[in-house]
């Protein structure tokens, strides 16, 4: 998987921010919602396992919200490590700072 492919997938996905919460009717489900409040996916508990669908749904939403900033960091890090071009350090520092601003 390349950064470019991840950017394509991110651009094609539903807009941000995503959020999650437990199902109102079933405490063994976590639901991920898009910015318009429509449900995007339901994470179910699987009998016989120790998975936590609410935690899993929270991770899905947080990862979606953080992905653009994480990709910026990955690109900046690749420039910094690969070529150490002028401005690479500043770009990496700015990308890391942007990651700190992601809310979930």
Protein backbone atom coordinates (compact mmCIF):
# COMPACT_ATOMS: atom_id res chain seq x y z
CA UNK A 1 0.00 0.00 0.00
CA UNK A 2 1.43 3.35 -1.02
CA UNK A 3 0.79 6.81 0.37
CA UNK A 4 -0.71 7.72 -2.99
CA UNK A 5 -3.15 4.79 -2.85
CA UNK A 6 -4.14 5.68 0.71
CA UNK A 7 -4.77 9.27 -0.42
CA UNK A 8 -7.03 7.94 -3.22
CA UNK A 9 -8.99 5.81 -0.76
CA UNK A 10 -9.25 8.71 1.69
CA UNK A 11 -10.53 11.06 -1.02
CA UNK A 12 -13.15 8.55 -2.15
CA UNK A 13 -14.46 7.81 1.36
CA UNK A 14 -17.26 9.65 3.14
CA UNK A 15 -16.24 13.07 4.46
CA UNK A 16 -14.98 13.79 7.95
CA UNK A 17 -15.36 13.95 10.85
CA UNK A 18 -16.55 10.50 11.77
CA UNK A 19 -17.63 9.63 15.29
CA UNK A 20 -18.81 6.53 17.08
CA UNK A 21 -21.07 5.53 19.92
CA UNK A 22 -22.66 2.40 21.32
CA UNK A 23 -25.94 1.28 19.80
CA UNK A 24 -28.94 2.68 21.66
CA UNK A 25 -30.70 -0.67 21.40
CA UNK A 26 -27.88 -3.17 21.68
CA UNK A 27 -24.87 -2.67 23.95
CA UNK A 28 -22.82 -5.21 22.00
CA UNK A 29 -22.62 -3.01 18.92
CA UNK A 30 -20.57 0.04 18.09
CA UNK A 31 -21.80 2.33 15.34
CA UNK A 32 -19.68 4.67 13.22
CA UNK A 33 -21.39 7.81 11.95
CA UNK A 34 -20.42 10.34 9.30
CA UNK A 35 -20.60 14.12 9.59
CA UNK A 36 -24.25 14.16 8.58
CA UNK A 37 -25.20 11.73 11.35
CA UNK A 38 -25.90 8.80 9.03
CA UNK A 39 -24.51 5.47 10.17
CA UNK A 40 -21.59 4.29 8.05
CA UNK A 41 -20.91 0.92 9.66
CA UNK A 42 -21.93 -1.26 12.56
CA UNK A 43 -19.37 -3.27 14.51
CA UNK A 44 -20.87 -6.35 16.14
CA UNK A 45 -19.70 -8.43 19.06
CA UNK A 46 -18.75 -11.95 18.03
CA UNK A 47 -19.85 -14.64 20.50
CA UNK A 48 -16.93 -16.57 21.90
CA UNK A 49 -14.49 -13.68 21.43
CA UNK A 50 -13.25 -10.89 23.61
CA UNK A 51 -13.62 -8.15 21.00
CA UNK A 52 -15.06 -4.84 22.10
CA UNK A 53 -17.23 -3.48 19.27
CA UNK A 54 -17.54 -0.04 20.87
CA UNK A 55 -13.73 0.29 21.11
CA UNK A 56 -13.37 -1.04 17.57
CA UNK A 57 -15.87 1.52 16.25
CA UNK A 58 -14.00 4.26 18.11
CA UNK A 59 -10.75 3.19 16.48
CA UNK A 60 -12.33 3.16 13.00
CA UNK A 61 -13.63 6.73 13.46
CA UNK A 62 -10.37 8.00 14.98
CA UNK A 63 -8.27 6.41 12.24
CA UNK A 64 -10.49 7.95 9.53
CA UNK A 65 -10.23 11.38 11.10
CA UNK A 66 -6.46 11.13 11.57
CA UNK A 67 -5.60 9.60 8.19
CA UNK A 68 -4.96 12.83 6.24
CA UNK A 69 -2.63 14.12 8.96
CA UNK A 70 -0.89 10.74 9.25
CA UNK A 71 -0.33 10.70 5.50
CA UNK A 72 1.14 14.21 5.68
CA UNK A 73 3.55 12.97 8.35
CA UNK A 74 4.47 9.93 6.25
CA UNK A 75 5.17 12.09 3.19
CA UNK A 76 7.20 14.60 5.19
CA UNK A 77 9.17 11.82 6.88
CA UNK A 78 9.92 10.22 3.51
CA UNK A 79 11.27 13.53 2.20
CA UNK A 80 13.29 14.10 5.34
CA UNK A 81 14.83 10.65 5.42
CA UNK A 82 15.12 10.15 1.67
CA UNK A 83 16.64 13.37 0.46
CA UNK A 84 16.96 15.71 3.40
CA UNK A 85 15.93 18.45 0.98
CA UNK A 86 15.74 22.09 2.08
CA UNK A 87 12.58 22.62 4.08
CA UNK A 88 12.09 18.92 4.81
CA UNK A 89 12.62 19.37 8.55
CA UNK A 90 10.08 22.19 8.67
CA UNK A 91 7.56 20.18 6.64
CA UNK A 92 7.91 17.21 8.99
CA UNK A 93 7.55 19.44 12.06
CA UNK A 94 4.43 21.08 10.56
CA UNK A 95 2.92 17.69 9.70
CA UNK A 96 3.52 16.42 13.22
CA UNK A 97 1.93 19.56 14.65
CA UNK A 98 -1.13 19.07 12.42
CA UNK A 99 -1.45 15.52 13.71
CA UNK A 100 -1.68 16.91 17.25
CA UNK A 101 -4.72 18.95 16.15
CA UNK A 102 -6.79 15.93 15.09
CA UNK A 103 -9.87 15.51 17.22
CA UNK A 104 -11.87 12.35 17.66
